[in-house]
Amino acid sequence: MTPRLNRKLVLEHPEIHPDGAGGYDSAWVVKGFLWGEITARTGREQAQGGAPVSRMNFRIVVRAAPYGAPDRPQPQQRFREGDRIFLIEAVAEEDADNRYLTCFATEEVAV
């Protein structure tokens, strides 16, 4: 079945910069824009630092890019859609023809 790529996603990569005081700051840098299909998988609520956090797992399908290409999603990168942020945990080929990639991602929201 062909995925329905109807969501415009921003692919972001973390960059680390010295903060001038011996430490580091990280910032998210835009790598590109991809159209994807987002499907909810599982979710749960857990306490994090004494506050409840909703953690939802998603399957995000995007068009494939060759391994090593700058617009190919990788673990530790993230997708952003407006105010929503999906941290990419794993990436795999979706189909035998390598036309699509499946990104397994999580979204955390304080409740």
PDB file of N, CA and C in Angstrom:
ATOM      1  N   MET A   1       0.841  -1.177   0.000  1.00  0.00           N
ATOM      2  CA  MET A   1       0.000   0.000   0.000  1.00  0.00           C
ATOM      3  C   MET A   1       0.890   1.246   0.000  1.00  0.00           C
ATOM      4  N   THR A   2       0.586   2.199  -0.837  1.00  0.00           N
ATOM      5  CA  THR A   2       1.369   3.421  -0.944  1.00  0.00           C
ATOM      6  C   THR A   2       1.048   4.356   0.220  1.00  0.00           C
ATOM      7  N   PRO A   3       2.073   4.849   0.910  1.00  0.00           N
ATOM      8  CA  PRO A   3       1.826   5.775   2.023  1.00  0.00           C
ATOM      9  C   PRO A   3       1.190   7.077   1.531  1.00  0.00           C
ATOM     10  N   ARG A   4       0.428   7.684   2.390  1.00  0.00           N
ATOM     11  CA  ARG A   4      -0.201   8.978   2.093  1.00  0.00           C
ATOM     12  C   ARG A   4       0.658  10.071   2.730  1.00  0.00           C
ATOM     13  N   LEU A   5       1.545  10.668   1.939  1.00  0.00           N
ATOM     14  CA  LEU A   5       2.495  11.659   2.440  1.00  0.00           C
ATOM     15  C   LEU A   5       1.825  13.030   2.428  1.00  0.00           C
ATOM     16  N   ASN A   6       1.052  13.310   3.458  1.00  0.00           N
ATOM     17  CA  ASN A   6       0.235  14.525   3.487  1.00  0.00           C
ATOM     18  C   ASN A   6       0.593  15.501   4.620  1.00  0.00           C
ATOM     19  N   ARG A   7       1.719  15.281   5.289  1.00  0.00           N
ATOM     20  CA  ARG A   7       2.126  16.152   6.393  1.00  0.00           C
ATOM     21  C   ARG A   7       3.505  16.722   6.083  1.00  0.00           C
ATOM     22  N   LYS A   8       3.631  18.048   6.076  1.00  0.00           N
ATOM     23  CA  LYS A   8       4.916  18.688   5.813  1.00  0.00           C
ATOM     24  C   LYS A   8       5.713  18.745   7.109  1.00  0.00           C
ATOM     25  N   LEU A   9       6.877  18.102   7.109  1.00  0.00           N
ATOM     26  CA  LEU A   9       7.711  17.977   8.293  1.00  0.00           C
ATOM     27  C   LEU A   9       9.046  18.675   8.073  1.00  0.00           C
ATOM     28  N   VAL A  10       9.562  19.278   9.125  1.00  0.00           N
ATOM     29  CA  VAL A  10      10.884  19.889   9.104  1.00  0.00           C
ATOM     30  C   VAL A  10      11.843  18.891   9.737  1.00  0.00           C
ATOM     31  N   LEU A  11      12.900  18.519   9.009  1.00  0.00           N
ATOM     32  CA  LEU A  11      13.925  17.632   9.547  1.00  0.00           C
ATOM     33  C   LEU A  11      15.000  18.503  10.194  1.00  0.00           C
ATOM     34  N   GLU A  12      15.285  18.246  11.474  1.00  0.00           N
ATOM     35  CA  GLU A  12      16.268  19.037  12.208  1.00  0.00           C
ATOM     36  C   GLU A  12      17.358  18.144  12.783  1.00  0.00           C
ATOM     37  N   HIS A  13      18.552  18.715  12.887  1.00  0.00           N
ATOM     38  CA  HIS A  13      19.731  18.010  13.386  1.00  0.00           C
ATOM     39  C   HIS A  13      20.314  18.808  14.551  1.00  0.00           C
ATOM     40  N   PRO A  14      20.737  18.136  15.640  1.00  0.00           N
ATOM     41  CA  PRO A  14      21.328  18.889  16.753  1.00  0.00           C
ATOM     42  C   PRO A  14      22.770  19.294  16.445  1.00  0.00           C
ATOM     43  N   GLU A  15      23.116  20.532  16.752  1.00  0.00           N
ATOM     44  CA  GLU A  15      24.503  20.999  16.656  1.00  0.00           C
ATOM     45  C   GLU A  15      24.937  21.475  18.026  1.00  0.00           C
ATOM     46  N   ILE A  16      26.167  21.137  18.377  1.00  0.00           N
ATOM     47  CA  ILE A  16      26.707  21.499  19.681  1.00  0.00           C
ATOM     48  C   ILE A  16      27.759  22.587  19.481  1.00  0.00           C
ATOM     49  N   HIS A  17      27.647  23.652  20.294  1.00  0.00           N
ATOM     50  CA  HIS A  17      28.568  24.781  20.219  1.00  0.00           C
ATOM     51  C   HIS A  17      29.127  25.065  21.608  1.00  0.00           C
ATOM     52  N   PRO A  18      30.417  25.439  21.704  1.00  0.00           N
ATOM     53  CA  PRO A  18      30.960  25.840  23.006  1.00  0.00           C
ATOM     54  C   PRO A  18      30.205  27.068  23.533  1.00  0.00           C
ATOM     55  N   ASP A  19      29.941  27.099  24.840  1.00  0.00           N
ATOM     56  CA  ASP A  19      29.211  28.234  25.415  1.00  0.00           C
ATOM     57  C   ASP A  19      30.132  29.328  25.946  1.00  0.00           C
ATOM     58  N   GLY A  20      31.451  29.161  25.820  1.00  0.00           N
ATOM     59  CA  GLY A  20      32.399  30.170  26.270  1.00  0.00           C
ATOM     60  C   GLY A  20      32.749  30.056  27.741  1.00  0.00           C
ATOM     61  N   ALA A  21      32.102  29.133  28.461  1.00  0.00           N
ATOM     62  CA  ALA A  21      32.372  28.968  29.887  1.00  0.00           C
ATOM     63  C   ALA A  21      32.829  27.542  30.182  1.00  0.00           C
ATOM     64  N   GLY A  22      33.331  26.853  29.162  1.00  0.00           N
ATOM     65  CA  GLY A  22      33.811  25.491  29.352  1.00  0.00           C
ATOM     66  C   GLY A  22      32.770  24.427  29.108  1.00  0.00           C
ATOM     67  N   GLY A  23      31.553  24.823  28.833  1.00  0.00           N
ATOM     68  CA  GLY A  23      30.477  23.869  28.561  1.00  0.00           C
ATOM     69  C   GLY A  23      30.030  23.961  27.111  1.00  0.00           C
ATOM     70  N   TYR A  24      28.873  23.417  26.859  1.00  0.00           N
ATOM     71  CA  TYR A  24      28.349  23.399  25.501  1.00  0.00           C
ATOM     72  C   TYR A  24      26.866  23.726  25.490  1.00  0.00           C
ATOM     73  N   ASP A  25      26.433  24.351  24.414  1.00  0.00           N
ATOM     74  CA  ASP A  25      25.017  24.587  24.137  1.00  0.00           C
ATOM     75  C   ASP A  25      24.663  23.784  22.904  1.00  0.00           C
ATOM     76  N   SER A  26      23.436  23.320  22.862  1.00  0.00           N
ATOM     77  CA  SER A  26      22.996  22.643  21.643  1.00  0.00           C
ATOM     78  C   SER A  26      21.859  23.441  21.019  1.00  0.00           C
ATOM     79  N   ALA A  27      21.807  23.402  19.708  1.00  0.00           N
ATOM     80  CA  ALA A  27      20.760  24.089  18.958  1.00  0.00           C
ATOM     81  C   ALA A  27      20.325  23.169  17.824  1.00  0.00           C
ATOM     82  N   TRP A  28      19.061  23.267  17.451  1.00  0.00           N
ATOM     83  CA  TRP A  28      18.528  22.460  16.356  1.00  0.00           C
ATOM     84  C   TRP A  28      18.628  23.253  15.064  1.00  0.00           C
ATOM     85  N   VAL A  29      19.208  22.619  14.043  1.00  0.00           N
ATOM     86  CA  VAL A  29      19.430  23.250  12.749  1.00  0.00           C
ATOM     87  C   VAL A  29      18.579  22.541  11.701  1.00  0.00           C
ATOM     88  N   VAL A  30      17.901  23.306  10.861  1.00  0.00           N
ATOM     89  CA  VAL A  30      17.042  22.737   9.814  1.00  0.00           C
ATOM     90  C   VAL A  30      17.906  22.069   8.749  1.00  0.00           C
ATOM     91  N   LYS A  31      17.606  20.798   8.447  1.00  0.00           N
ATOM     92  CA  LYS A  31      18.301  20.047   7.397  1.00  0.00           C
ATOM     93  C   LYS A  31      17.495  20.017   6.110  1.00  0.00           C
ATOM     94  N   GLY A  32      16.165  20.161   6.232  1.00  0.00           N
ATOM     95  CA  GLY A  32      15.320  20.104   5.047  1.00  0.00           C
ATOM     96  C   GLY A  32      13.869  19.905   5.413  1.00  0.00           C
ATOM     97  N   PHE A  33      13.054  19.797   4.380  1.00  0.00           N
ATOM     98  CA  PHE A  33      11.612  19.606   4.537  1.00  0.00           C
ATOM     99  C   PHE A  33      11.227  18.321   3.827  1.00  0.00           C
ATOM    100  N   LEU A  34      10.422  17.497   4.491  1.00  0.00           N
ATOM    101  CA  LEU A  34       9.982  16.229   3.928  1.00  0.00           C
ATOM    102  C   LEU A  34       8.474  16.102   4.116  1.00  0.00           C
ATOM    103  N   TRP A  35       7.836  15.435   3.174  1.00  0.00           N
ATOM    104  CA  TRP A  35       6.423  15.106   3.329  1.00  0.00           C
ATOM    105  C   TRP A  35       6.336  13.705   3.900  1.00  0.00           C
ATOM    106  N   GLY A  36       5.456  13.521   4.894  1.00  0.00           N
ATOM    107  CA  GLY A  36       5.377  12.223   5.547  1.00  0.00           C
ATOM    108  C   GLY A  36       3.971  11.818   5.920  1.00  0.00           C
ATOM    109  N   GLU A  37       3.866  10.564   6.280  1.00  0.00           N
ATOM    110  CA  GLU A  37       2.634   9.995   6.824  1.00  0.00           C
ATOM    111  C   GLU A  37       2.920   9.654   8.279  1.00  0.00           C
ATOM    112  N   ILE A  38       2.105  10.157   9.195  1.00  0.00           N
ATOM    113  CA  ILE A  38       2.313   9.933  10.626  1.00  0.00           C
ATOM    114  C   ILE A  38       1.202   9.026  11.146  1.00  0.00           C
ATOM    115  N   THR A  39       1.611   7.929  11.788  1.00  0.00           N
ATOM    116  CA  THR A  39       0.660   6.980  12.357  1.00  0.00           C
ATOM    117  C   THR A  39       0.999   6.754  13.826  1.00  0.00           C
ATOM    118  N   ALA A  40       0.017   6.940  14.692  1.00  0.00           N
ATOM    119  CA  ALA A  40       0.222   6.697  16.123  1.00  0.00           C
ATOM    120  C   ALA A  40       0.356   5.202  16.367  1.00  0.00           C
ATOM    121  N   ARG A  41       1.233   4.845  17.313  1.00  0.00           N
ATOM    122  CA  ARG A  41       1.439   3.446  17.653  1.00  0.00           C
ATOM    123  C   ARG A  41       0.984   3.185  19.073  1.00  0.00           C
ATOM    124  N   THR A  42       1.810   3.490  20.059  1.00  0.00           N
ATOM    125  CA  THR A  42       1.465   3.243  21.455  1.00  0.00           C
ATOM    126  C   THR A  42       1.787   4.485  22.269  1.00  0.00           C
ATOM    127  N   GLY A  43       1.230   4.543  23.449  1.00  0.00           N
ATOM    128  CA  GLY A  43       1.502   5.681  24.315  1.00  0.00           C
ATOM    129  C   GLY A  43       1.355   5.305  25.767  1.00  0.00           C
ATOM    130  N   ARG A  44       1.912   6.173  26.613  1.00  0.00           N
ATOM    131  CA  ARG A  44       1.776   5.963  28.054  1.00  0.00           C
ATOM    132  C   ARG A  44       2.072   7.274  28.768  1.00  0.00           C
ATOM    133  N   GLU A  45       1.684   7.322  30.014  1.00  0.00           N
ATOM    134  CA  GLU A  45       2.000   8.475  30.850  1.00  0.00           C
ATOM    135  C   GLU A  45       2.978   8.017  31.920  1.00  0.00           C
ATOM    136  N   GLN A  46       3.977   8.846  32.169  1.00  0.00           N
ATOM    137  CA  GLN A  46       4.960   8.509  33.198  1.00  0.00           C
ATOM    138  C   GLN A  46       5.378   9.782  33.915  1.00  0.00           C
ATOM    139  N   ALA A  47       5.929   9.616  35.104  1.00  0.00           N
ATOM    140  CA  ALA A  47       6.418  10.766  35.867  1.00  0.00           C
ATOM    141  C   ALA A  47       7.864  11.024  35.468  1.00  0.00           C
ATOM    142  N   GLN A  48       8.164  12.284  35.226  1.00  0.00           N
ATOM    143  CA  GLN A  48       9.524  12.677  34.877  1.00  0.00           C
ATOM    144  C   GLN A  48       9.847  13.933  35.667  1.00  0.00           C
ATOM    145  N   GLY A  49      10.756  13.818  36.606  1.00  0.00           N
ATOM    146  CA  GLY A  49      11.091  14.950  37.455  1.00  0.00           C
ATOM    147  C   GLY A  49       9.920  15.370  38.336  1.00  0.00           C
ATOM    148  N   GLY A  50       9.066  14.422  38.703  1.00  0.00           N
ATOM    149  CA  GLY A  50       7.922  14.715  39.556  1.00  0.00           C
ATOM    150  C   GLY A  50       6.699  15.214  38.818  1.00  0.00           C
ATOM    151  N   ALA A  51       6.787  15.409  37.510  1.00  0.00           N
ATOM    152  CA  ALA A  51       5.645  15.889  36.727  1.00  0.00           C
ATOM    153  C   ALA A  51       5.217  14.806  35.739  1.00  0.00           C
ATOM    154  N   PRO A  52       3.910  14.659  35.508  1.00  0.00           N
ATOM    155  CA  PRO A  52       3.457  13.665  34.537  1.00  0.00           C
ATOM    156  C   PRO A  52       3.781  14.096  33.102  1.00  0.00           C
ATOM    157  N   VAL A  53       4.238  13.117  32.321  1.00  0.00           N
ATOM    158  CA  VAL A  53       4.582  13.349  30.926  1.00  0.00           C
ATOM    159  C   VAL A  53       3.905  12.280  30.078  1.00  0.00           C
ATOM    160  N   SER A  54       3.236  12.718  29.019  1.00  0.00           N
ATOM    161  CA  SER A  54       2.626  11.802  28.073  1.00  0.00           C
ATOM    162  C   SER A  54       3.661  11.491  27.002  1.00  0.00           C
ATOM    163  N   ARG A  55       3.952  10.207  26.800  1.00  0.00           N
ATOM    164  CA  ARG A  55       4.930   9.782  25.795  1.00  0.00           C
ATOM    165  C   ARG A  55       4.208   8.923  24.769  1.00  0.00           C
ATOM    166  N   MET A  56       4.241   9.368  23.521  1.00  0.00           N
ATOM    167  CA  MET A  56       3.534   8.701  22.432  1.00  0.00           C
ATOM    168  C   MET A  56       4.542   8.251  21.383  1.00  0.00           C
ATOM    169  N   ASN A  57       4.403   7.028  20.907  1.00  0.00           N
ATOM    170  CA  ASN A  57       5.268   6.500  19.854  1.00  0.00           C
ATOM    171  C   ASN A  57       4.558   6.620  18.508  1.00  0.00           C
ATOM    172  N   PHE A  58       5.318   6.971  17.482  1.00  0.00           N
ATOM    173  CA  PHE A  58       4.765   7.160  16.145  1.00  0.00           C
ATOM    174  C   PHE A  58       5.602   6.435  15.114  1.00  0.00           C
ATOM    175  N   ARG A  59       4.959   6.092  14.025  1.00  0.00           N
ATOM    176  CA  ARG A  59       5.602   5.548  12.823  1.00  0.00           C
ATOM    177  C   ARG A  59       5.447   6.636  11.772  1.00  0.00           C
ATOM    178  N   ILE A  60       6.561   7.154  11.261  1.00  0.00           N
ATOM    179  CA  ILE A  60       6.536   8.235  10.282  1.00  0.00           C
ATOM    180  C   ILE A  60       7.196   7.734   8.998  1.00  0.00           C
ATOM    181  N   VAL A  61       6.440   7.715   7.907  1.00  0.00           N
ATOM    182  CA  VAL A  61       6.953   7.247   6.617  1.00  0.00           C
ATOM    183  C   VAL A  61       7.242   8.458   5.741  1.00  0.00           C
ATOM    184  N   VAL A  62       8.444   8.494   5.159  1.00  0.00           N
ATOM    185  CA  VAL A  62       8.866   9.561   4.245  1.00  0.00           C
ATOM    186  C   VAL A  62       9.482   8.912   3.003  1.00  0.00           C
ATOM    187  N   ARG A  63       9.659   9.719   1.943  1.00  0.00           N
ATOM    188  CA  ARG A  63      10.346   9.210   0.753  1.00  0.00           C
ATOM    189  C   ARG A  63      11.794   8.880   1.108  1.00  0.00           C
ATOM    190  N   ALA A  64      12.300   7.823   0.499  1.00  0.00           N
ATOM    191  CA  ALA A  64      13.662   7.389   0.784  1.00  0.00           C
ATOM    192  C   ALA A  64      14.682   8.338   0.176  1.00  0.00           C
ATOM    193  N   ALA A  65      15.821   8.392   0.805  1.00  0.00           N
ATOM    194  CA  ALA A  65      16.998   9.098   0.301  1.00  0.00           C
ATOM    195  C   ALA A  65      18.164   8.131   0.463  1.00  0.00           C
ATOM    196  N   PRO A  66      19.164   8.208  -0.411  1.00  0.00           N
ATOM    197  CA  PRO A  66      20.298   7.280  -0.306  1.00  0.00           C
ATOM    198  C   PRO A  66      20.985   7.403   1.056  1.00  0.00           C
ATOM    199  N   TYR A  67      21.547   6.275   1.490  1.00  0.00           N
ATOM    200  CA  TYR A  67      22.284   6.269   2.749  1.00  0.00           C
ATOM    201  C   TYR A  67      23.418   7.287   2.663  1.00  0.00           C
ATOM    202  N   GLY A  68      23.532   8.151   3.663  1.00  0.00           N
ATOM    203  CA  GLY A  68      24.557   9.180   3.683  1.00  0.00           C
ATOM    204  C   GLY A  68      24.110  10.509   3.094  1.00  0.00           C
ATOM    205  N   ALA A  69      22.941  10.550   2.449  1.00  0.00           N
ATOM    206  CA  ALA A  69      22.434  11.812   1.894  1.00  0.00           C
ATOM    207  C   ALA A  69      22.034  12.744   3.030  1.00  0.00           C
ATOM    208  N   PRO A  70      22.242  14.058   2.880  1.00  0.00           N
ATOM    209  CA  PRO A  70      21.938  14.987   3.974  1.00  0.00           C
ATOM    210  C   PRO A  70      20.456  15.042   4.342  1.00  0.00           C
ATOM    211  N   ASP A  71      19.564  14.688   3.416  1.00  0.00           N
ATOM    212  CA  ASP A  71      18.137  14.741   3.720  1.00  0.00           C
ATOM    213  C   ASP A  71      17.573  13.385   4.140  1.00  0.00           C
ATOM    214  N   ARG A  72      18.445  12.408   4.412  1.00  0.00           N
ATOM    215  CA  ARG A  72      17.970  11.117   4.921  1.00  0.00           C
ATOM    216  C   ARG A  72      17.903  11.213   6.446  1.00  0.00           C
ATOM    217  N   PRO A  73      16.723  10.973   7.025  1.00  0.00           N
ATOM    218  CA  PRO A  73      16.592  11.039   8.489  1.00  0.00           C
ATOM    219  C   PRO A  73      17.497  10.023   9.179  1.00  0.00           C
ATOM    220  N   GLN A  74      17.951  10.376  10.368  1.00  0.00           N
ATOM    221  CA  GLN A  74      18.816   9.515  11.178  1.00  0.00           C
ATOM    222  C   GLN A  74      18.353   9.554  12.631  1.00  0.00           C
ATOM    223  N   PRO A  75      18.679   8.505  13.395  1.00  0.00           N
ATOM    224  CA  PRO A  75      18.400   8.558  14.832  1.00  0.00           C
ATOM    225  C   PRO A  75      19.102   9.765  15.455  1.00  0.00           C
ATOM    226  N   GLN A  76      18.502  10.324  16.477  1.00  0.00           N
ATOM    227  CA  GLN A  76      18.949  11.515  17.211  1.00  0.00           C
ATOM    228  C   GLN A  76      18.592  12.811  16.499  1.00  0.00           C
ATOM    229  N   GLN A  77      18.047  12.737  15.298  1.00  0.00           N
ATOM    230  CA  GLN A  77      17.492  13.922  14.657  1.00  0.00           C
ATOM    231  C   GLN A  77      16.026  13.996  15.067  1.00  0.00           C
ATOM    232  N   ARG A  78      15.327  15.006  14.559  1.00  0.00           N
ATOM    233  CA  ARG A  78      13.915  15.108  14.899  1.00  0.00           C
ATOM    234  C   ARG A  78      13.135  15.716  13.737  1.00  0.00           C
ATOM    235  N   PHE A  79      11.830  15.427  13.748  1.00  0.00           N
ATOM    236  CA  PHE A  79      10.892  16.078  12.854  1.00  0.00           C
ATOM    237  C   PHE A  79      10.126  17.103  13.666  1.00  0.00           C
ATOM    238  N   ARG A  80       9.853  18.244  13.070  1.00  0.00           N
ATOM    239  CA  ARG A  80       9.009  19.250  13.704  1.00  0.00           C
ATOM    240  C   ARG A  80       7.853  19.545  12.763  1.00  0.00           C
ATOM    241  N   GLU A  81       6.661  19.606  13.332  1.00  0.00           N
ATOM    242  CA  GLU A  81       5.453  19.996  12.603  1.00  0.00           C
ATOM    243  C   GLU A  81       4.751  21.039  13.469  1.00  0.00           C
ATOM    244  N   GLY A  82       4.967  22.312  13.147  1.00  0.00           N
ATOM    245  CA  GLY A  82       4.433  23.377  13.990  1.00  0.00           C
ATOM    246  C   GLY A  82       5.075  23.305  15.364  1.00  0.00           C
ATOM    247  N   ASP A  83       4.255  23.192  16.411  1.00  0.00           N
ATOM    248  CA  ASP A  83       4.759  23.095  17.780  1.00  0.00           C
ATOM    249  C   ASP A  83       5.068  21.657  18.205  1.00  0.00           C
ATOM    250  N   ARG A  84       4.721  20.703  17.360  1.00  0.00           N
ATOM    251  CA  ARG A  84       4.945  19.297  17.701  1.00  0.00           C
ATOM    252  C   ARG A  84       6.359  18.877  17.312  1.00  0.00           C
ATOM    253  N   ILE A  85       6.980  18.068  18.179  1.00  0.00           N
ATOM    254  CA  ILE A  85       8.340  17.593  17.948  1.00  0.00           C
ATOM    255  C   ILE A  85       8.355  16.072  18.101  1.00  0.00           C
ATOM    256  N   PHE A  86       8.922  15.400  17.090  1.00  0.00           N
ATOM    257  CA  PHE A  86       9.025  13.945  17.063  1.00  0.00           C
ATOM    258  C   PHE A  86      10.506  13.567  17.021  1.00  0.00           C
ATOM    259  N   LEU A  87      11.042  13.019  18.109  1.00  0.00           N
ATOM    260  CA  LEU A  87      12.441  12.609  18.179  1.00  0.00           C
ATOM    261  C   LEU A  87      12.592  11.256  17.486  1.00  0.00           C
ATOM    262  N   ILE A  88      13.472  11.187  16.494  1.00  0.00           N
ATOM    263  CA  ILE A  88      13.680   9.963  15.721  1.00  0.00           C
ATOM    264  C   ILE A  88      14.571   9.008  16.512  1.00  0.00           C
ATOM    265  N   GLU A  89      14.074   7.795  16.725  1.00  0.00           N
ATOM    266  CA  GLU A  89      14.829   6.790  17.468  1.00  0.00           C
ATOM    267  C   GLU A  89      15.455   5.736  16.572  1.00  0.00           C
ATOM    268  N   ALA A  90      14.803   5.417  15.441  1.00  0.00           N
ATOM    269  CA  ALA A  90      15.326   4.407  14.513  1.00  0.00           C
ATOM    270  C   ALA A  90      14.756   4.679  13.124  1.00  0.00           C
ATOM    271  N   VAL A  91      15.511   4.236  12.104  1.00  0.00           N
ATOM    272  CA  VAL A  91      15.095   4.406  10.703  1.00  0.00           C
ATOM    273  C   VAL A  91      15.324   3.085   9.975  1.00  0.00           C
ATOM    274  N   ALA A  92      14.331   2.672   9.169  1.00  0.00           N
ATOM    275  CA  ALA A  92      14.446   1.429   8.398  1.00  0.00           C
ATOM    276  C   ALA A  92      13.785   1.614   7.040  1.00  0.00           C
ATOM    277  N   GLU A  93      14.197   0.794   6.074  1.00  0.00           N
ATOM    278  CA  GLU A  93      13.554   0.828   4.770  1.00  0.00           C
ATOM    279  C   GLU A  93      12.132   0.298   4.916  1.00  0.00           C
ATOM    280  N   GLU A  94      11.190   0.970   4.290  1.00  0.00           N
ATOM    281  CA  GLU A  94       9.774   0.608   4.391  1.00  0.00           C
ATOM    282  C   GLU A  94       9.417  -0.531   3.442  1.00  0.00           C
ATOM    283  N   ASP A  95       9.995  -0.530   2.233  1.00  0.00           N
ATOM    284  CA  ASP A  95       9.591  -1.498   1.221  1.00  0.00           C
ATOM    285  C   ASP A  95      10.821  -2.087   0.530  1.00  0.00           C
ATOM    286  N   ALA A  96      10.606  -3.180  -0.198  1.00  0.00           N
ATOM    287  CA  ALA A  96      11.709  -3.878  -0.867  1.00  0.00           C
ATOM    288  C   ALA A  96      12.344  -3.034  -1.971  1.00  0.00           C
ATOM    289  N   ASP A  97      11.606  -2.100  -2.538  1.00  0.00           N
ATOM    290  CA  ASP A  97      12.133  -1.252  -3.609  1.00  0.00           C
ATOM    291  C   ASP A  97      12.875  -0.032  -3.084  1.00  0.00           C
ATOM    292  N   ASN A  98      12.950   0.130  -1.777  1.00  0.00           N
ATOM    293  CA  ASN A  98      13.631   1.267  -1.140  1.00  0.00           C
ATOM    294  C   ASN A  98      13.091   2.616  -1.605  1.00  0.00           C
ATOM    295  N   ARG A  99      11.770   2.709  -1.745  1.00  0.00           N
ATOM    296  CA  ARG A  99      11.150   3.981  -2.125  1.00  0.00           C
ATOM    297  C   ARG A  99      10.787   4.825  -0.916  1.00  0.00           C
ATOM    298  N   TYR A 100      10.614   4.179   0.238  1.00  0.00           N
ATOM    299  CA  TYR A 100      10.182   4.876   1.443  1.00  0.00           C
ATOM    300  C   TYR A 100      11.015   4.429   2.634  1.00  0.00           C
ATOM    301  N   LEU A 101      11.095   5.307   3.626  1.00  0.00           N
ATOM    302  CA  LEU A 101      11.746   4.996   4.897  1.00  0.00           C
ATOM    303  C   LEU A 101      10.712   5.077   6.011  1.00  0.00           C
ATOM    304  N   THR A 102      10.837   4.205   6.984  1.00  0.00           N
ATOM    305  CA  THR A 102      10.013   4.269   8.183  1.00  0.00           C
ATOM    306  C   THR A 102      10.880   4.799   9.313  1.00  0.00           C
ATOM    307  N   CYS A 103      10.420   5.862   9.941  1.00  0.00           N
ATOM    308  CA  CYS A 103      11.109   6.450  11.092  1.00  0.00           C
ATOM    309  C   CYS A 103      10.263   6.156  12.324  1.00  0.00           C
ATOM    310  N   PHE A 104      10.867   5.548  13.329  1.00  0.00           N
ATOM    311  CA  PHE A 104      10.184   5.298  14.592  1.00  0.00           C
ATOM    312  C   PHE A 104      10.554   6.450  15.508  1.00  0.00           C
ATOM    313  N   ALA A 105       9.540   7.186  15.960  1.00  0.00           N
ATOM    314  CA  ALA A 105       9.779   8.415  16.691  1.00  0.00           C
ATOM    315  C   ALA A 105       8.876   8.502  17.906  1.00  0.00           C
ATOM    316  N   THR A 106       9.269   9.381  18.855  1.00  0.00           N
ATOM    317  CA  THR A 106       8.457   9.626  20.037  1.00  0.00           C
ATOM    318  C   THR A 106       8.183  11.110  20.184  1.00  0.00           C
ATOM    319  N   GLU A 107       7.051  11.389  20.791  1.00  0.00           N
ATOM    320  CA  GLU A 107       6.663  12.763  21.126  1.00  0.00           C
ATOM    321  C   GLU A 107       6.352  12.774  22.607  1.00  0.00           C
ATOM    322  N   GLU A 108       6.938  13.712  23.334  1.00  0.00           N
ATOM    323  CA  GLU A 108       6.662  13.848  24.762  1.00  0.00           C
ATOM    324  C   GLU A 108       5.986  15.176  25.013  1.00  0.00           C
ATOM    325  N   VAL A 109       4.934  15.142  25.839  1.00  0.00           N
ATOM    326  CA  VAL A 109       4.185  16.334  26.165  1.00  0.00           C
ATOM    327  C   VAL A 109       3.921  16.345  27.663  1.00  0.00           C
ATOM    328  N   ALA A 110       4.256  17.442  28.331  1.00  0.00           N
ATOM    329  CA  ALA A 110       3.950  17.579  29.755  1.00  0.00           C
ATOM    330  C   ALA A 110       2.446  17.734  29.922  1.00  0.00           C
ATOM    331  N   VAL A 111       1.885  17.009  30.876  1.00  0.00           N
ATOM    332  CA  VAL A 111       0.425  17.090  31.104  1.00  0.00           C
ATOM    333  C   VAL A 111       0.126  17.712  32.454  1.00  0.00           C
TER     334      VAL A 111
END
